[in-house]
Amino acid sequence: MARHTVSPCVFCEITQGRAPATVVRRWADALAIVPLNPVTEGHLLVLPIQHVSDATTAPAVTAMTVMHAATLLAESGRPANLIANVGREATQSVFHLHWHIVPRTASDGLRLPWST
């Protein structure tokens, strides 16, 4: 799989404090932020401080980042999708690892590509 890099990386700019973001939680190695266009109320992105292109690039960083995402999700007590996209064909548009926490309700109307 081809690795994509964009200079400057928008998420690196956010993690380094050079670009604005609504930060919900900060750890030494990751941030949870509100995306620019949340798809449901409470949608968050959890991203590592270290630049990693996607969830397959550095498994230890991926594990640490999803641990933070799972912790936030457990604290919320809400049903949600926890998603990391890998590659442009899988709809990854920012090539810096990030986990989407997408809270769900029965009536939210959000359809995932494999939904029936």
PDB file of N, CA and C in Angstrom:
ATOM      1  N   MET A   1       0.847  -1.184   0.000  1.00  0.00           N
ATOM      2  CA  MET A   1       0.000   0.000   0.000  1.00  0.00           C
ATOM      3  C   MET A   1       0.885   1.237   0.000  1.00  0.00           C
ATOM      4  N   ALA A   2       0.577   2.162  -0.837  1.00  0.00           N
ATOM      5  CA  ALA A   2       1.324   3.417  -0.903  1.00  0.00           C
ATOM      6  C   ALA A   2       1.024   4.269   0.318  1.00  0.00           C
ATOM      7  N   ARG A   3       2.042   4.851   0.874  1.00  0.00           N
ATOM      8  CA  ARG A   3       1.883   5.755   2.012  1.00  0.00           C
ATOM      9  C   ARG A   3       1.763   7.171   1.468  1.00  0.00           C
ATOM     10  N   HIS A   4       0.835   7.919   2.036  1.00  0.00           N
ATOM     11  CA  HIS A   4       0.598   9.281   1.581  1.00  0.00           C
ATOM     12  C   HIS A   4       1.125  10.244   2.634  1.00  0.00           C
ATOM     13  N   THR A   5       1.778  11.261   2.192  1.00  0.00           N
ATOM     14  CA  THR A   5       2.186  12.331   3.088  1.00  0.00           C
ATOM     15  C   THR A   5       1.791  13.649   2.459  1.00  0.00           C
ATOM     16  N   VAL A   6       1.356  14.534   3.292  1.00  0.00           N
ATOM     17  CA  VAL A   6       0.996  15.871   2.851  1.00  0.00           C
ATOM     18  C   VAL A   6       1.782  16.818   3.731  1.00  0.00           C
ATOM     19  N   SER A   7       2.395  17.799   3.130  1.00  0.00           N
ATOM     20  CA  SER A   7       3.187  18.733   3.900  1.00  0.00           C
ATOM     21  C   SER A   7       2.585  20.116   3.744  1.00  0.00           C
ATOM     22  N   PRO A   8       2.195  20.783   4.773  1.00  0.00           N
ATOM     23  CA  PRO A   8       2.168  20.277   6.137  1.00  0.00           C
ATOM     24  C   PRO A   8       0.908  19.436   6.390  1.00  0.00           C
ATOM     25  N   CYS A   9       1.020  18.478   7.289  1.00  0.00           N
ATOM     26  CA  CYS A   9      -0.110  17.629   7.679  1.00  0.00           C
ATOM     27  C   CYS A   9      -1.012  18.424   8.618  1.00  0.00           C
ATOM     28  N   VAL A  10      -2.286  18.539   8.283  1.00  0.00           N
ATOM     29  CA  VAL A  10      -3.213  19.342   9.086  1.00  0.00           C
ATOM     30  C   VAL A  10      -3.299  18.827  10.523  1.00  0.00           C
ATOM     31  N   PHE A  11      -3.260  17.499  10.719  1.00  0.00           N
ATOM     32  CA  PHE A  11      -3.337  16.984  12.083  1.00  0.00           C
ATOM     33  C   PHE A  11      -2.035  17.221  12.846  1.00  0.00           C
ATOM     34  N   CYS A  12      -0.892  17.195  12.157  1.00  0.00           N
ATOM     35  CA  CYS A  12       0.364  17.565  12.814  1.00  0.00           C
ATOM     36  C   CYS A  12       0.327  19.036  13.237  1.00  0.00           C
ATOM     37  N   GLU A  13      -0.230  19.869  12.382  1.00  0.00           N
ATOM     38  CA  GLU A  13      -0.368  21.281  12.731  1.00  0.00           C
ATOM     39  C   GLU A  13      -1.228  21.454  13.985  1.00  0.00           C
ATOM     40  N   ILE A  14      -2.299  20.667  14.086  1.00  0.00           N
ATOM     41  CA  ILE A  14      -3.166  20.731  15.272  1.00  0.00           C
ATOM     42  C   ILE A  14      -2.433  20.209  16.496  1.00  0.00           C
ATOM     43  N   THR A  15      -1.796  19.034  16.391  1.00  0.00           N
ATOM     44  CA  THR A  15      -1.137  18.455  17.569  1.00  0.00           C
ATOM     45  C   THR A  15       0.011  19.320  18.063  1.00  0.00           C
ATOM     46  N   GLN A  16       0.627  20.090  17.154  1.00  0.00           N
ATOM     47  CA  GLN A  16       1.734  20.966  17.539  1.00  0.00           C
ATOM     48  C   GLN A  16       1.267  22.369  17.941  1.00  0.00           C
ATOM     49  N   GLY A  17      -0.045  22.584  17.957  1.00  0.00           N
ATOM     50  CA  GLY A  17      -0.587  23.860  18.395  1.00  0.00           C
ATOM     51  C   GLY A  17      -0.474  24.975  17.372  1.00  0.00           C
ATOM     52  N   ARG A  18      -0.230  24.625  16.119  1.00  0.00           N
ATOM     53  CA  ARG A  18      -0.084  25.642  15.074  1.00  0.00           C
ATOM     54  C   ARG A  18      -1.358  25.850  14.269  1.00  0.00           C
ATOM     55  N   ALA A  19      -2.380  25.044  14.527  1.00  0.00           N
ATOM     56  CA  ALA A  19      -3.671  25.192  13.851  1.00  0.00           C
ATOM     57  C   ALA A  19      -4.759  25.024  14.906  1.00  0.00           C
ATOM     58  N   PRO A  20      -5.867  25.733  14.740  1.00  0.00           N
ATOM     59  CA  PRO A  20      -6.920  25.664  15.751  1.00  0.00           C
ATOM     60  C   PRO A  20      -7.706  24.354  15.681  1.00  0.00           C
ATOM     61  N   ALA A  21      -8.198  23.947  16.826  1.00  0.00           N
ATOM     62  CA  ALA A  21      -9.084  22.785  16.926  1.00  0.00           C
ATOM     63  C   ALA A  21      -9.783  22.854  18.270  1.00  0.00           C
ATOM     64  N   THR A  22     -10.955  22.252  18.333  1.00  0.00           N
ATOM     65  CA  THR A  22     -11.647  22.114  19.607  1.00  0.00           C
ATOM     66  C   THR A  22     -11.169  20.813  20.234  1.00  0.00           C
ATOM     67  N   VAL A  23     -10.294  20.940  21.227  1.00  0.00           N
ATOM     68  CA  VAL A  23      -9.706  19.787  21.890  1.00  0.00           C
ATOM     69  C   VAL A  23     -10.610  19.373  23.040  1.00  0.00           C
ATOM     70  N   VAL A  24     -11.026  18.111  23.031  1.00  0.00           N
ATOM     71  CA  VAL A  24     -11.915  17.574  24.053  1.00  0.00           C
ATOM     72  C   VAL A  24     -11.110  16.879  25.150  1.00  0.00           C
ATOM     73  N   ARG A  25     -10.006  16.225  24.775  1.00  0.00           N
ATOM     74  CA  ARG A  25      -9.144  15.544  25.740  1.00  0.00           C
ATOM     75  C   ARG A  25      -7.730  15.568  25.199  1.00  0.00           C
ATOM     76  N   ARG A  26      -6.793  15.712  26.105  1.00  0.00           N
ATOM     77  CA  ARG A  26      -5.373  15.737  25.734  1.00  0.00           C
ATOM     78  C   ARG A  26      -4.640  14.717  26.600  1.00  0.00           C
ATOM     79  N   TRP A  27      -3.885  13.849  25.948  1.00  0.00           N
ATOM     80  CA  TRP A  27      -2.989  12.927  26.636  1.00  0.00           C
ATOM     81  C   TRP A  27      -1.571  13.309  26.216  1.00  0.00           C
ATOM     82  N   ALA A  28      -0.573  12.727  26.821  1.00  0.00           N
ATOM     83  CA  ALA A  28       0.814  13.020  26.443  1.00  0.00           C
ATOM     84  C   ALA A  28       1.105  12.594  25.009  1.00  0.00           C
ATOM     85  N   ASP A  29       0.384  11.561  24.530  1.00  0.00           N
ATOM     86  CA  ASP A  29       0.683  10.988  23.217  1.00  0.00           C
ATOM     87  C   ASP A  29      -0.448  11.093  22.198  1.00  0.00           C
ATOM     88  N   ALA A  30      -1.553  11.763  22.551  1.00  0.00           N
ATOM     89  CA  ALA A  30      -2.702  11.833  21.636  1.00  0.00           C
ATOM     90  C   ALA A  30      -3.617  12.994  21.999  1.00  0.00           C
ATOM     91  N   LEU A  31      -4.513  13.313  21.067  1.00  0.00           N
ATOM     92  CA  LEU A  31      -5.549  14.331  21.277  1.00  0.00           C
ATOM     93  C   LEU A  31      -6.894  13.780  20.821  1.00  0.00           C
ATOM     94  N   ALA A  32      -7.953  14.224  21.467  1.00  0.00           N
ATOM     95  CA  ALA A  32      -9.311  14.001  20.969  1.00  0.00           C
ATOM     96  C   ALA A  32      -9.852  15.364  20.593  1.00  0.00           C
ATOM     97  N   ILE A  33     -10.322  15.477  19.346  1.00  0.00           N
ATOM     98  CA  ILE A  33     -10.814  16.758  18.842  1.00  0.00           C
ATOM     99  C   ILE A  33     -12.184  16.575  18.195  1.00  0.00           C
ATOM    100  N   VAL A  34     -12.888  17.672  18.058  1.00  0.00           N
ATOM    101  CA  VAL A  34     -14.142  17.685  17.320  1.00  0.00           C
ATOM    102  C   VAL A  34     -13.798  17.920  15.853  1.00  0.00           C
ATOM    103  N   PRO A  35     -14.284  17.064  14.943  1.00  0.00           N
ATOM    104  CA  PRO A  35     -13.989  17.290  13.520  1.00  0.00           C
ATOM    105  C   PRO A  35     -14.685  18.537  13.000  1.00  0.00           C
ATOM    106  N   LEU A  36     -14.194  19.064  11.900  1.00  0.00           N
ATOM    107  CA  LEU A  36     -14.804  20.259  11.299  1.00  0.00           C
ATOM    108  C   LEU A  36     -16.245  20.013  10.883  1.00  0.00           C
ATOM    109  N   ASN A  37     -16.543  18.823  10.404  1.00  0.00           N
ATOM    110  CA  ASN A  37     -17.891  18.488   9.944  1.00  0.00           C
ATOM    111  C   ASN A  37     -18.378  17.209  10.620  1.00  0.00           C
ATOM    112  N   PRO A  38     -18.762  17.292  11.883  1.00  0.00           N
ATOM    113  CA  PRO A  38     -19.210  16.076  12.573  1.00  0.00           C
ATOM    114  C   PRO A  38     -20.442  15.489  11.891  1.00  0.00           C
ATOM    115  N   VAL A  39     -20.483  14.144  11.810  1.00  0.00           N
ATOM    116  CA  VAL A  39     -21.609  13.489  11.139  1.00  0.00           C
ATOM    117  C   VAL A  39     -22.750  13.168  12.099  1.00  0.00           C
ATOM    118  N   THR A  40     -22.469  13.151  13.400  1.00  0.00           N
ATOM    119  CA  THR A  40     -23.499  13.019  14.424  1.00  0.00           C
ATOM    120  C   THR A  40     -23.071  13.893  15.606  1.00  0.00           C
ATOM    121  N   GLU A  41     -23.995  14.181  16.481  1.00  0.00           N
ATOM    122  CA  GLU A  41     -23.652  14.926  17.691  1.00  0.00           C
ATOM    123  C   GLU A  41     -22.699  14.086  18.538  1.00  0.00           C
ATOM    124  N   GLY A  42     -21.604  14.684  18.951  1.00  0.00           N
ATOM    125  CA  GLY A  42     -20.620  13.983  19.765  1.00  0.00           C
ATOM    126  C   GLY A  42     -19.518  13.302  18.971  1.00  0.00           C
ATOM    127  N   HIS A  43     -19.534  13.427  17.634  1.00  0.00           N
ATOM    128  CA  HIS A  43     -18.490  12.830  16.788  1.00  0.00           C
ATOM    129  C   HIS A  43     -17.141  13.424  17.191  1.00  0.00           C
ATOM    130  N   LEU A  44     -16.169  12.549  17.437  1.00  0.00           N
ATOM    131  CA  LEU A  44     -14.816  12.971  17.800  1.00  0.00           C
ATOM    132  C   LEU A  44     -13.791  12.253  16.946  1.00  0.00           C
ATOM    133  N   LEU A  45     -12.607  12.829  16.871  1.00  0.00           N
ATOM    134  CA  LEU A  45     -11.447  12.190  16.259  1.00  0.00           C
ATOM    135  C   LEU A  45     -10.381  12.048  17.336  1.00  0.00           C
ATOM    136  N   VAL A  46      -9.776  10.887  17.406  1.00  0.00           N
ATOM    137  CA  VAL A  46      -8.664  10.669  18.334  1.00  0.00           C
ATOM    138  C   VAL A  46      -7.436  10.398  17.477  1.00  0.00           C
ATOM    139  N   LEU A  47      -6.403  11.241  17.641  1.00  0.00           N
ATOM    140  CA  LEU A  47      -5.228  11.152  16.796  1.00  0.00           C
ATOM    141  C   LEU A  47      -3.960  11.192  17.617  1.00  0.00           C
ATOM    142  N   PRO A  48      -2.955  10.449  17.196  1.00  0.00           N
ATOM    143  CA  PRO A  48      -1.691  10.485  17.923  1.00  0.00           C
ATOM    144  C   PRO A  48      -0.940  11.780  17.663  1.00  0.00           C
ATOM    145  N   ILE A  49      -0.135  12.175  18.633  1.00  0.00           N
ATOM    146  CA  ILE A  49       0.737  13.337  18.446  1.00  0.00           C
ATOM    147  C   ILE A  49       1.763  13.009  17.353  1.00  0.00           C
ATOM    148  N   GLN A  50       2.319  11.805  17.398  1.00  0.00           N
ATOM    149  CA  GLN A  50       3.300  11.356  16.405  1.00  0.00           C
ATOM    150  C   GLN A  50       2.621  11.189  15.053  1.00  0.00           C
ATOM    151  N   HIS A  51       3.275  11.666  14.009  1.00  0.00           N
ATOM    152  CA  HIS A  51       2.712  11.475  12.667  1.00  0.00           C
ATOM    153  C   HIS A  51       2.869  10.018  12.256  1.00  0.00           C
ATOM    154  N   VAL A  52       1.738   9.380  12.024  1.00  0.00           N
ATOM    155  CA  VAL A  52       1.652   8.008  11.516  1.00  0.00           C
ATOM    156  C   VAL A  52       0.609   8.073  10.409  1.00  0.00           C
ATOM    157  N   SER A  53       0.932   7.599   9.232  1.00  0.00           N
ATOM    158  CA  SER A  53       0.045   7.763   8.077  1.00  0.00           C
ATOM    159  C   SER A  53      -1.306   7.089   8.230  1.00  0.00           C
ATOM    160  N   ASP A  54      -1.317   5.872   8.777  1.00  0.00           N
ATOM    161  CA  ASP A  54      -2.578   5.146   8.915  1.00  0.00           C
ATOM    162  C   ASP A  54      -2.431   4.058   9.964  1.00  0.00           C
ATOM    163  N   ALA A  55      -3.484   3.277  10.179  1.00  0.00           N
ATOM    164  CA  ALA A  55      -3.512   2.281  11.251  1.00  0.00           C
ATOM    165  C   ALA A  55      -2.584   1.100  11.012  1.00  0.00           C
ATOM    166  N   THR A  56      -2.006   0.971   9.814  1.00  0.00           N
ATOM    167  CA  THR A  56      -1.105  -0.148   9.541  1.00  0.00           C
ATOM    168  C   THR A  56       0.360   0.239   9.608  1.00  0.00           C
ATOM    169  N   THR A  57       0.648   1.507   9.736  1.00  0.00           N
ATOM    170  CA  THR A  57       2.027   1.998   9.665  1.00  0.00           C
ATOM    171  C   THR A  57       2.831   1.707  10.921  1.00  0.00           C
ATOM    172  N   ALA A  58       2.242   1.893  12.074  1.00  0.00           N
ATOM    173  CA  ALA A  58       2.932   1.696  13.355  1.00  0.00           C
ATOM    174  C   ALA A  58       1.936   1.069  14.332  1.00  0.00           C
ATOM    175  N   PRO A  59       1.856  -0.255  14.362  1.00  0.00           N
ATOM    176  CA  PRO A  59       0.849  -0.926  15.187  1.00  0.00           C
ATOM    177  C   PRO A  59       0.823  -0.497  16.653  1.00  0.00           C
ATOM    178  N   ALA A  60       1.964  -0.219  17.251  1.00  0.00           N
ATOM    179  CA  ALA A  60       1.973   0.202  18.659  1.00  0.00           C
ATOM    180  C   ALA A  60       1.290   1.557  18.837  1.00  0.00           C
ATOM    181  N   VAL A  61       1.510   2.470  17.898  1.00  0.00           N
ATOM    182  CA  VAL A  61       0.855   3.780  17.958  1.00  0.00           C
ATOM    183  C   VAL A  61      -0.642   3.615  17.708  1.00  0.00           C
ATOM    184  N   THR A  62      -1.000   2.742  16.777  1.00  0.00           N
ATOM    185  CA  THR A  62      -2.412   2.464  16.507  1.00  0.00           C
ATOM    186  C   THR A  62      -3.092   1.926  17.758  1.00  0.00           C
ATOM    187  N   ALA A  63      -2.445   0.986  18.438  1.00  0.00           N
ATOM    188  CA  ALA A  63      -3.020   0.393  19.655  1.00  0.00           C
ATOM    189  C   ALA A  63      -3.199   1.436  20.747  1.00  0.00           C
ATOM    190  N   MET A  64      -2.205   2.288  20.946  1.00  0.00           N
ATOM    191  CA  MET A  64      -2.299   3.330  21.963  1.00  0.00           C
ATOM    192  C   MET A  64      -3.433   4.293  21.632  1.00  0.00           C
ATOM    193  N   THR A  65      -3.553   4.642  20.369  1.00  0.00           N
ATOM    194  CA  THR A  65      -4.570   5.613  19.973  1.00  0.00           C
ATOM    195  C   THR A  65      -5.973   5.030  20.119  1.00  0.00           C
ATOM    196  N   VAL A  66      -6.169   3.780  19.704  1.00  0.00           N
ATOM    197  CA  VAL A  66      -7.495   3.169  19.846  1.00  0.00           C
ATOM    198  C   VAL A  66      -7.819   2.930  21.321  1.00  0.00           C
ATOM    199  N   MET A  67      -6.808   2.705  22.161  1.00  0.00           N
ATOM    200  CA  MET A  67      -7.061   2.582  23.602  1.00  0.00           C
ATOM    201  C   MET A  67      -7.659   3.885  24.139  1.00  0.00           C
ATOM    202  N   HIS A  68      -7.106   5.012  23.730  1.00  0.00           N
ATOM    203  CA  HIS A  68      -7.662   6.298  24.166  1.00  0.00           C
ATOM    204  C   HIS A  68      -9.080   6.481  23.631  1.00  0.00           C
ATOM    205  N   ALA A  69      -9.297   6.121  22.369  1.00  0.00           N
ATOM    206  CA  ALA A  69     -10.638   6.241  21.780  1.00  0.00           C
ATOM    207  C   ALA A  69     -11.632   5.347  22.518  1.00  0.00           C
ATOM    208  N   ALA A  70     -11.234   4.109  22.798  1.00  0.00           N
ATOM    209  CA  ALA A  70     -12.122   3.181  23.503  1.00  0.00           C
ATOM    210  C   ALA A  70     -12.424   3.663  24.915  1.00  0.00           C
ATOM    211  N   THR A  71     -11.465   4.282  25.562  1.00  0.00           N
ATOM    212  CA  THR A  71     -11.677   4.835  26.899  1.00  0.00           C
ATOM    213  C   THR A  71     -12.721   5.949  26.860  1.00  0.00           C
ATOM    214  N   LEU A  72     -12.579   6.860  25.899  1.00  0.00           N
ATOM    215  CA  LEU A  72     -13.575   7.930  25.760  1.00  0.00           C
ATOM    216  C   LEU A  72     -14.961   7.363  25.482  1.00  0.00           C
ATOM    217  N   LEU A  73     -15.008   6.389  24.607  1.00  0.00           N
ATOM    218  CA  LEU A  73     -16.288   5.774  24.261  1.00  0.00           C
ATOM    219  C   LEU A  73     -16.907   5.085  25.471  1.00  0.00           C
ATOM    220  N   ALA A  74     -16.102   4.361  26.240  1.00  0.00           N
ATOM    221  CA  ALA A  74     -16.612   3.700  27.451  1.00  0.00           C
ATOM    222  C   ALA A  74     -17.136   4.723  28.452  1.00  0.00           C
ATOM    223  N   GLU A  75     -16.439   5.834  28.602  1.00  0.00           N
ATOM    224  CA  GLU A  75     -16.884   6.891  29.519  1.00  0.00           C
ATOM    225  C   GLU A  75     -18.224   7.476  29.089  1.00  0.00           C
ATOM    226  N   SER A  76     -18.457   7.530  27.788  1.00  0.00           N
ATOM    227  CA  SER A  76     -19.707   8.124  27.303  1.00  0.00           C
ATOM    228  C   SER A  76     -20.900   7.211  27.542  1.00  0.00           C
ATOM    229  N   GLY A  77     -20.670   5.903  27.522  1.00  0.00           N
ATOM    230  CA  GLY A  77     -21.752   4.957  27.708  1.00  0.00           C
ATOM    231  C   GLY A  77     -22.734   4.906  26.547  1.00  0.00           C
ATOM    232  N   ARG A  78     -22.360   5.463  25.412  1.00  0.00           N
ATOM    233  CA  ARG A  78     -23.263   5.549  24.257  1.00  0.00           C
ATOM    234  C   ARG A  78     -22.891   4.512  23.199  1.00  0.00           C
ATOM    235  N   PRO A  79     -23.884   4.030  22.441  1.00  0.00           N
ATOM    236  CA  PRO A  79     -23.547   3.211  21.275  1.00  0.00           C
ATOM    237  C   PRO A  79     -22.834   4.091  20.250  1.00  0.00           C
ATOM    238  N   ALA A  80     -21.889   3.509  19.529  1.00  0.00           N
ATOM    239  CA  ALA A  80     -21.118   4.303  18.568  1.00  0.00           C
ATOM    240  C   ALA A  80     -20.405   3.389  17.589  1.00  0.00           C
ATOM    241  N   ASN A  81     -20.005   3.973  16.475  1.00  0.00           N
ATOM    242  CA  ASN A  81     -19.064   3.329  15.570  1.00  0.00           C
ATOM    243  C   ASN A  81     -17.686   3.851  15.946  1.00  0.00           C
ATOM    244  N   LEU A  82     -16.720   2.952  15.972  1.00  0.00           N
ATOM    245  CA  LEU A  82     -15.318   3.294  16.197  1.00  0.00           C
ATOM    246  C   LEU A  82     -14.595   2.860  14.928  1.00  0.00           C
ATOM    247  N   ILE A  83     -14.122   3.847  14.155  1.00  0.00           N
ATOM    248  CA  ILE A  83     -13.661   3.569  12.794  1.00  0.00           C
ATOM    249  C   ILE A  83     -12.317   4.235  12.528  1.00  0.00           C
ATOM    250  N   ALA A  84     -11.415   3.472  11.905  1.00  0.00           N
ATOM    251  CA  ALA A  84     -10.187   4.033  11.335  1.00  0.00           C
ATOM    252  C   ALA A  84     -10.145   3.612   9.873  1.00  0.00           C
ATOM    253  N   ASN A  85     -10.048   4.562   8.981  1.00  0.00           N
ATOM    254  CA  ASN A  85      -9.982   4.274   7.552  1.00  0.00           C
ATOM    255  C   ASN A  85      -8.512   4.151   7.144  1.00  0.00           C
ATOM    256  N   VAL A  86      -8.223   3.193   6.273  1.00  0.00           N
ATOM    257  CA  VAL A  86      -6.853   2.970   5.807  1.00  0.00           C
ATOM    258  C   VAL A  86      -6.851   3.025   4.280  1.00  0.00           C
ATOM    259  N   GLY A  87      -6.345   4.114   3.737  1.00  0.00           N
ATOM    260  CA  GLY A  87      -6.230   4.256   2.294  1.00  0.00           C
ATOM    261  C   GLY A  87      -7.352   5.074   1.676  1.00  0.00           C
ATOM    262  N   ARG A  88      -7.008   5.717   0.587  1.00  0.00           N
ATOM    263  CA  ARG A  88      -7.952   6.577  -0.121  1.00  0.00           C
ATOM    264  C   ARG A  88      -9.204   5.804  -0.543  1.00  0.00           C
ATOM    265  N   GLU A  89      -9.010   4.541  -0.983  1.00  0.00           N
ATOM    266  CA  GLU A  89     -10.147   3.735  -1.418  1.00  0.00           C
ATOM    267  C   GLU A  89     -11.102   3.411  -0.271  1.00  0.00           C
ATOM    268  N   ALA A  90     -10.605   3.481   0.940  1.00  0.00           N
ATOM    269  CA  ALA A  90     -11.421   3.234   2.137  1.00  0.00           C
ATOM    270  C   ALA A  90     -11.887   4.553   2.756  1.00  0.00           C
ATOM    271  N   THR A  91     -11.868   5.604   1.995  1.00  0.00           N
ATOM    272  CA  THR A  91     -12.311   6.963   2.336  1.00  0.00           C
ATOM    273  C   THR A  91     -11.416   7.682   3.337  1.00  0.00           C
ATOM    274  N   GLN A  92     -10.144   7.279   3.435  1.00  0.00           N
ATOM    275  CA  GLN A  92      -9.218   8.062   4.260  1.00  0.00           C
ATOM    276  C   GLN A  92      -8.869   9.324   3.488  1.00  0.00           C
ATOM    277  N   SER A  93      -9.119  10.481   4.096  1.00  0.00           N
ATOM    278  CA  SER A  93      -8.846  11.742   3.398  1.00  0.00           C
ATOM    279  C   SER A  93      -7.725  12.538   4.062  1.00  0.00           C
ATOM    280  N   VAL A  94      -7.425  12.267   5.319  1.00  0.00           N
ATOM    281  CA  VAL A  94      -6.286  12.879   6.003  1.00  0.00           C
ATOM    282  C   VAL A  94      -5.345  11.733   6.351  1.00  0.00           C
ATOM    283  N   PHE A  95      -4.130  11.787   5.838  1.00  0.00           N
ATOM    284  CA  PHE A  95      -3.198  10.683   5.999  1.00  0.00           C
ATOM    285  C   PHE A  95      -2.326  10.866   7.236  1.00  0.00           C
ATOM    286  N   HIS A  96      -3.020  10.960   8.351  1.00  0.00           N
ATOM    287  CA  HIS A  96      -2.466  10.956   9.708  1.00  0.00           C
ATOM    288  C   HIS A  96      -3.457  10.088  10.469  1.00  0.00           C
ATOM    289  N   LEU A  97      -2.988   9.003  11.059  1.00  0.00           N
ATOM    290  CA  LEU A  97      -3.863   8.083  11.774  1.00  0.00           C
ATOM    291  C   LEU A  97      -4.871   8.830  12.634  1.00  0.00           C
ATOM    292  N   HIS A  98      -6.126   8.439  12.534  1.00  0.00           N
ATOM    293  CA  HIS A  98      -7.144   8.985  13.435  1.00  0.00           C
ATOM    294  C   HIS A  98      -8.298   8.004  13.533  1.00  0.00           C
ATOM    295  N   TRP A  99      -8.832   7.894  14.712  1.00  0.00           N
ATOM    296  CA  TRP A  99      -9.996   7.061  14.990  1.00  0.00           C
ATOM    297  C   TRP A  99     -11.204   7.964  15.111  1.00  0.00           C
ATOM    298  N   HIS A 100     -12.262   7.610  14.400  1.00  0.00           N
ATOM    299  CA  HIS A 100     -13.532   8.309  14.519  1.00  0.00           C
ATOM    300  C   HIS A 100     -14.345   7.640  15.618  1.00  0.00           C
ATOM    301  N   ILE A 101     -14.854   8.418  16.543  1.00  0.00           N
ATOM    302  CA  ILE A 101     -15.877   7.961  17.478  1.00  0.00           C
ATOM    303  C   ILE A 101     -17.159   8.623  16.994  1.00  0.00           C
ATOM    304  N   VAL A 102     -18.090   7.809  16.501  1.00  0.00           N
ATOM    305  CA  VAL A 102     -19.326   8.334  15.926  1.00  0.00           C
ATOM    306  C   VAL A 102     -20.501   7.823  16.754  1.00  0.00           C
ATOM    307  N   PRO A 103     -20.962   8.632  17.726  1.00  0.00           N
ATOM    308  CA  PRO A 103     -22.117   8.212  18.531  1.00  0.00           C
ATOM    309  C   PRO A 103     -23.333   7.977  17.642  1.00  0.00           C
ATOM    310  N   ARG A 104     -24.127   6.983  18.005  1.00  0.00           N
ATOM    311  CA  ARG A 104     -25.266   6.611  17.187  1.00  0.00           C
ATOM    312  C   ARG A 104     -26.552   6.579  18.005  1.00  0.00           C
ATOM    313  N   THR A 105     -27.642   6.907  17.334  1.00  0.00           N
ATOM    314  CA  THR A 105     -28.985   6.722  17.873  1.00  0.00           C
ATOM    315  C   THR A 105     -29.803   6.038  16.785  1.00  0.00           C
ATOM    316  N   ALA A 106     -30.898   5.404  17.182  1.00  0.00           N
ATOM    317  CA  ALA A 106     -31.737   4.684  16.220  1.00  0.00           C
ATOM    318  C   ALA A 106     -32.274   5.606  15.138  1.00  0.00           C
ATOM    319  N   SER A 107     -32.447   6.872  15.442  1.00  0.00           N
ATOM    320  CA  SER A 107     -33.071   7.791  14.492  1.00  0.00           C
ATOM    321  C   SER A 107     -32.095   8.779  13.857  1.00  0.00           C
ATOM    322  N   ASP A 108     -30.765   8.521  13.922  1.00  0.00           N
ATOM    323  CA  ASP A 108     -29.835   9.524  13.414  1.00  0.00           C
ATOM    324  C   ASP A 108     -29.770   9.589  11.895  1.00  0.00           C
ATOM    325  N   GLY A 109     -30.251   8.574  11.190  1.00  0.00           N
ATOM    326  CA  GLY A 109     -30.283   8.619   9.727  1.00  0.00           C
ATOM    327  C   GLY A 109     -28.951   8.408   9.049  1.00  0.00           C
ATOM    328  N   LEU A 110     -27.881   8.217   9.805  1.00  0.00           N
ATOM    329  CA  LEU A 110     -26.553   8.019   9.219  1.00  0.00           C
ATOM    330  C   LEU A 110     -26.448   6.590   8.700  1.00  0.00           C
ATOM    331  N   ARG A 111     -26.123   6.482   7.410  1.00  0.00           N
ATOM    332  CA  ARG A 111     -25.969   5.158   6.809  1.00  0.00           C
ATOM    333  C   ARG A 111     -24.503   4.961   6.459  1.00  0.00           C
ATOM    334  N   LEU A 112     -23.980   3.839   6.893  1.00  0.00           N
ATOM    335  CA  LEU A 112     -22.621   3.473   6.514  1.00  0.00           C
ATOM    336  C   LEU A 112     -22.697   2.722   5.178  1.00  0.00           C
ATOM    337  N   PRO A 113     -21.585   2.660   4.459  1.00  0.00           N
ATOM    338  CA  PRO A 113     -21.635   2.048   3.124  1.00  0.00           C
ATOM    339  C   PRO A 113     -22.160   0.615   3.112  1.00  0.00           C
ATOM    340  N   TRP A 114     -21.979  -0.130   4.163  1.00  0.00           N
ATOM    341  CA  TRP A 114     -22.439  -1.519   4.179  1.00  0.00           C
ATOM    342  C   TRP A 114     -23.770  -1.685   4.886  1.00  0.00           C
ATOM    343  N   SER A 115     -24.405  -0.585   5.265  1.00  0.00           N
ATOM    344  CA  SER A 115     -25.719  -0.639   5.912  1.00  0.00           C
ATOM    345  C   SER A 115     -26.774  -1.112   4.912  1.00  0.00           C
ATOM    346  N   THR A 116     -27.799  -1.780   5.448  1.00  0.00           N
ATOM    347  CA  THR A 116     -28.900  -2.198   4.576  1.00  0.00           C
ATOM    348  C   THR A 116     -30.111  -1.340   4.800  1.00  0.00           C
TER     349      THR A 116
END
